[in-house]
Each structure stands twice: as C-alpha cells, then as structure tokens.
Amino acid sequence: MGNVKKQIQDYYDKVVSIEGLERLVSESEDVSQVKRFINYQMKPKFQSEKDLCNDIAVEIWNDYWSEYNDVSY
C-alpha cells in the first residue's frame, strides 16, 4: 500500500506545481473552473487519473477558500 500512496503523492505534487494554479484558484468563481484547468494541464489518460485530478482540485479549492469562510453558529 505504501507504493500506491507514494504514486498518489507524486501525482499531487505534479498538480500543485502547475504554473498559474494559485492565481486561477483565487480568481475562480467555482471549483469546476479549477477542475477544467487541472485536467487540461495534466491531460489524464485514464478515468482514474481524471478522478484524481478532480479530487485534488476540490481539495485545493476548499483549502484556499476555507480561510475566507467564517462559520458562525
């Protein structure tokens, strides 16, 4: 299982190193724009790679915008 985790981490590192990703995340109105950008840049060959790109996009989007969302109960 360690090998799979390393491959996923390597893929994640490739995605977050895409030039212009941080700017796009900060300017996007919706996570779908980030998903499209990442998929266009990574050009996934398999559905599993596309799913991974989409999951990473959601994670990046949530991490960035969670700083600006104040949840008050």
N, C-alpha and C. Protein backbone atom coordinates (compact mmCIF):
# COMPACT_ATOMS: atom_id res chain seq x y z
N MET A 1 0.81 -1.20 0.00
CA MET A 1 0.00 0.00 0.00
C MET A 1 0.86 1.26 0.00
N GLY A 2 2.07 1.17 0.48
CA GLY A 2 2.96 2.33 0.51
C GLY A 2 3.29 2.84 -0.87
N ASN A 3 3.42 1.92 -1.84
CA ASN A 3 3.75 2.31 -3.21
C ASN A 3 2.62 3.13 -3.84
N VAL A 4 1.39 2.72 -3.61
CA VAL A 4 0.24 3.44 -4.16
C VAL A 4 0.17 4.84 -3.54
N LYS A 5 0.40 4.92 -2.25
CA LYS A 5 0.36 6.21 -1.57
C LYS A 5 1.44 7.14 -2.12
N LYS A 6 2.61 6.61 -2.40
CA LYS A 6 3.70 7.41 -2.97
C LYS A 6 3.34 7.89 -4.37
N GLN A 7 2.71 7.03 -5.17
CA GLN A 7 2.31 7.43 -6.53
C GLN A 7 1.27 8.55 -6.49
N ILE A 8 0.33 8.43 -5.57
CA ILE A 8 -0.69 9.47 -5.43
C ILE A 8 -0.05 10.77 -4.97
N GLN A 9 0.88 10.70 -4.04
CA GLN A 9 1.56 11.90 -3.56
C GLN A 9 2.37 12.54 -4.68
N ASP A 10 3.05 11.73 -5.50
CA ASP A 10 3.81 12.26 -6.63
C ASP A 10 2.89 12.96 -7.62
N TYR A 11 1.72 12.38 -7.89
CA TYR A 11 0.75 12.98 -8.80
C TYR A 11 0.24 14.30 -8.23
N TYR A 12 -0.04 14.30 -6.94
CA TYR A 12 -0.49 15.51 -6.24
C TYR A 12 0.56 16.62 -6.38
N ASP A 13 1.82 16.25 -6.18
CA ASP A 13 2.90 17.22 -6.29
C ASP A 13 2.99 17.80 -7.70
N LYS A 14 2.75 16.99 -8.71
CA LYS A 14 2.75 17.47 -10.09
C LYS A 14 1.61 18.47 -10.31
N VAL A 15 0.46 18.15 -9.77
CA VAL A 15 -0.71 19.02 -9.95
C VAL A 15 -0.49 20.37 -9.28
N VAL A 16 -0.03 20.37 -8.04
CA VAL A 16 0.11 21.64 -7.32
C VAL A 16 1.26 22.48 -7.86
N SER A 17 2.13 21.89 -8.66
CA SER A 17 3.24 22.66 -9.23
C SER A 17 2.89 23.26 -10.59
N ILE A 18 1.65 23.11 -11.05
CA ILE A 18 1.22 23.69 -12.32
C ILE A 18 1.30 25.21 -12.23
N GLU A 19 1.96 25.80 -13.21
CA GLU A 19 2.11 27.25 -13.22
C GLU A 19 0.75 27.93 -13.41
N GLY A 20 0.47 28.88 -12.57
CA GLY A 20 -0.77 29.64 -12.66
C GLY A 20 -1.92 29.06 -11.87
N LEU A 21 -1.71 27.95 -11.20
CA LEU A 21 -2.80 27.29 -10.46
C LEU A 21 -3.29 28.16 -9.30
N GLU A 22 -2.36 28.70 -8.53
CA GLU A 22 -2.77 29.51 -7.37
C GLU A 22 -3.57 30.73 -7.80
N ARG A 23 -3.13 31.39 -8.86
CA ARG A 23 -3.86 32.56 -9.36
C ARG A 23 -5.25 32.16 -9.82
N LEU A 24 -5.34 31.03 -10.52
CA LEU A 24 -6.64 30.59 -11.02
C LEU A 24 -7.59 30.27 -9.87
N VAL A 25 -7.08 29.61 -8.84
CA VAL A 25 -7.93 29.27 -7.69
C VAL A 25 -8.45 30.54 -7.03
N SER A 26 -7.59 31.53 -6.91
CA SER A 26 -8.02 32.76 -6.24
C SER A 26 -9.00 33.57 -7.08
N GLU A 27 -8.96 33.41 -8.41
CA GLU A 27 -9.83 34.18 -9.29
C GLU A 27 -11.10 33.43 -9.71
N SER A 28 -11.14 32.14 -9.52
CA SER A 28 -12.27 31.33 -9.97
C SER A 28 -13.50 31.55 -9.11
N GLU A 29 -14.63 31.51 -9.75
CA GLU A 29 -15.89 31.64 -9.03
C GLU A 29 -16.44 30.29 -8.61
N ASP A 30 -15.92 29.22 -9.21
CA ASP A 30 -16.46 27.90 -8.98
C ASP A 30 -15.34 26.87 -9.11
N VAL A 31 -15.46 25.78 -8.38
CA VAL A 31 -14.44 24.74 -8.41
C VAL A 31 -14.36 24.06 -9.79
N SER A 32 -15.41 24.14 -10.57
CA SER A 32 -15.39 23.50 -11.89
C SER A 32 -14.36 24.15 -12.80
N GLN A 33 -14.10 25.43 -12.63
CA GLN A 33 -13.08 26.10 -13.42
C GLN A 33 -11.70 25.54 -13.07
N VAL A 34 -11.46 25.26 -11.82
CA VAL A 34 -10.19 24.70 -11.38
C VAL A 34 -10.05 23.27 -11.90
N LYS A 35 -11.11 22.50 -11.84
CA LYS A 35 -11.09 21.13 -12.36
C LYS A 35 -10.73 21.12 -13.84
N ARG A 36 -11.38 21.99 -14.60
CA ARG A 36 -11.12 22.07 -16.04
C ARG A 36 -9.66 22.43 -16.31
N PHE A 37 -9.15 23.40 -15.59
CA PHE A 37 -7.77 23.85 -15.77
C PHE A 37 -6.78 22.72 -15.46
N ILE A 38 -6.98 22.05 -14.34
CA ILE A 38 -6.07 20.96 -13.96
C ILE A 38 -6.14 19.83 -14.97
N ASN A 39 -7.33 19.45 -15.38
CA ASN A 39 -7.46 18.36 -16.36
C ASN A 39 -6.84 18.74 -17.70
N TYR A 40 -6.95 20.00 -18.09
CA TYR A 40 -6.36 20.44 -19.34
C TYR A 40 -4.84 20.39 -19.26
N GLN A 41 -4.29 20.81 -18.14
CA GLN A 41 -2.84 20.82 -17.97
C GLN A 41 -2.25 19.42 -17.80
N MET A 42 -2.93 18.55 -17.07
CA MET A 42 -2.39 17.21 -16.78
C MET A 42 -2.68 16.22 -17.90
N LYS A 43 -3.71 16.46 -18.67
CA LYS A 43 -4.11 15.57 -19.76
C LYS A 43 -4.17 14.10 -19.32
N PRO A 44 -5.07 13.80 -18.37
CA PRO A 44 -5.17 12.42 -17.87
C PRO A 44 -5.59 11.45 -18.97
N LYS A 45 -4.96 10.28 -18.95
CA LYS A 45 -5.24 9.26 -19.97
C LYS A 45 -6.32 8.29 -19.53
N PHE A 46 -6.48 8.14 -18.24
CA PHE A 46 -7.43 7.18 -17.70
C PHE A 46 -8.45 7.91 -16.82
N GLN A 47 -9.62 7.31 -16.67
CA GLN A 47 -10.66 7.90 -15.84
C GLN A 47 -10.19 8.04 -14.39
N SER A 48 -9.40 7.10 -13.91
CA SER A 48 -8.91 7.18 -12.54
C SER A 48 -8.01 8.41 -12.34
N GLU A 49 -7.22 8.75 -13.37
CA GLU A 49 -6.39 9.94 -13.29
C GLU A 49 -7.25 11.20 -13.32
N LYS A 50 -8.30 11.19 -14.12
CA LYS A 50 -9.21 12.34 -14.16
C LYS A 50 -9.91 12.52 -12.82
N ASP A 51 -10.35 11.41 -12.23
CA ASP A 51 -10.98 11.47 -10.91
C ASP A 51 -10.01 12.03 -9.86
N LEU A 52 -8.75 11.60 -9.95
CA LEU A 52 -7.74 12.09 -9.02
C LEU A 52 -7.52 13.58 -9.21
N CYS A 53 -7.46 14.04 -10.45
CA CYS A 53 -7.33 15.47 -10.73
C CYS A 53 -8.50 16.25 -10.15
N ASN A 54 -9.70 15.73 -10.31
CA ASN A 54 -10.89 16.40 -9.79
C ASN A 54 -10.87 16.44 -8.26
N ASP A 55 -10.46 15.34 -7.63
CA ASP A 55 -10.38 15.31 -6.17
C ASP A 55 -9.35 16.31 -5.65
N ILE A 56 -8.23 16.41 -6.33
CA ILE A 56 -7.19 17.35 -5.93
C ILE A 56 -7.69 18.78 -6.11
N ALA A 57 -8.41 19.03 -7.19
CA ALA A 57 -8.97 20.37 -7.43
C ALA A 57 -9.92 20.77 -6.31
N VAL A 58 -10.77 19.86 -5.90
CA VAL A 58 -11.71 20.15 -4.81
C VAL A 58 -10.94 20.41 -3.51
N GLU A 59 -9.92 19.62 -3.25
CA GLU A 59 -9.14 19.80 -2.03
C GLU A 59 -8.43 21.16 -2.02
N ILE A 60 -7.82 21.52 -3.15
CA ILE A 60 -7.14 22.81 -3.25
C ILE A 60 -8.14 23.96 -3.09
N TRP A 61 -9.28 23.83 -3.76
CA TRP A 61 -10.33 24.86 -3.69
C TRP A 61 -10.80 25.04 -2.25
N ASN A 62 -11.09 23.94 -1.56
CA ASN A 62 -11.56 24.02 -0.18
C ASN A 62 -10.51 24.58 0.75
N ASP A 63 -9.25 24.18 0.56
CA ASP A 63 -8.18 24.70 1.41
C ASP A 63 -8.04 26.21 1.25
N TYR A 64 -8.08 26.67 0.02
CA TYR A 64 -7.91 28.10 -0.24
C TYR A 64 -9.09 28.90 0.32
N TRP A 65 -10.30 28.52 -0.02
CA TRP A 65 -11.46 29.31 0.35
C TRP A 65 -11.91 29.11 1.79
N SER A 66 -11.43 28.09 2.47
CA SER A 66 -11.81 27.90 3.87
C SER A 66 -11.26 29.01 4.75
N GLU A 67 -10.18 29.65 4.31
CA GLU A 67 -9.62 30.77 5.07
C GLU A 67 -10.56 31.98 5.06
N TYR A 68 -11.39 32.08 4.04
CA TYR A 68 -12.26 33.24 3.87
C TYR A 68 -13.69 32.99 4.33
N ASN A 69 -14.02 31.76 4.59
CA ASN A 69 -15.37 31.42 5.04
C ASN A 69 -15.38 31.33 6.56
N ASP A 70 -16.07 32.23 7.17
CA ASP A 70 -16.19 32.24 8.63
C ASP A 70 -17.49 31.55 9.01
N VAL A 71 -17.37 30.42 9.63
CA VAL A 71 -18.56 29.67 10.04
C VAL A 71 -18.91 30.09 11.46
N SER A 72 -20.06 30.69 11.61
CA SER A 72 -20.51 31.12 12.93
C SER A 72 -21.82 30.40 13.25
N TYR A 73 -21.85 29.83 14.41
CA TYR A 73 -23.06 29.11 14.84
C TYR A 73 -23.69 29.80 16.01
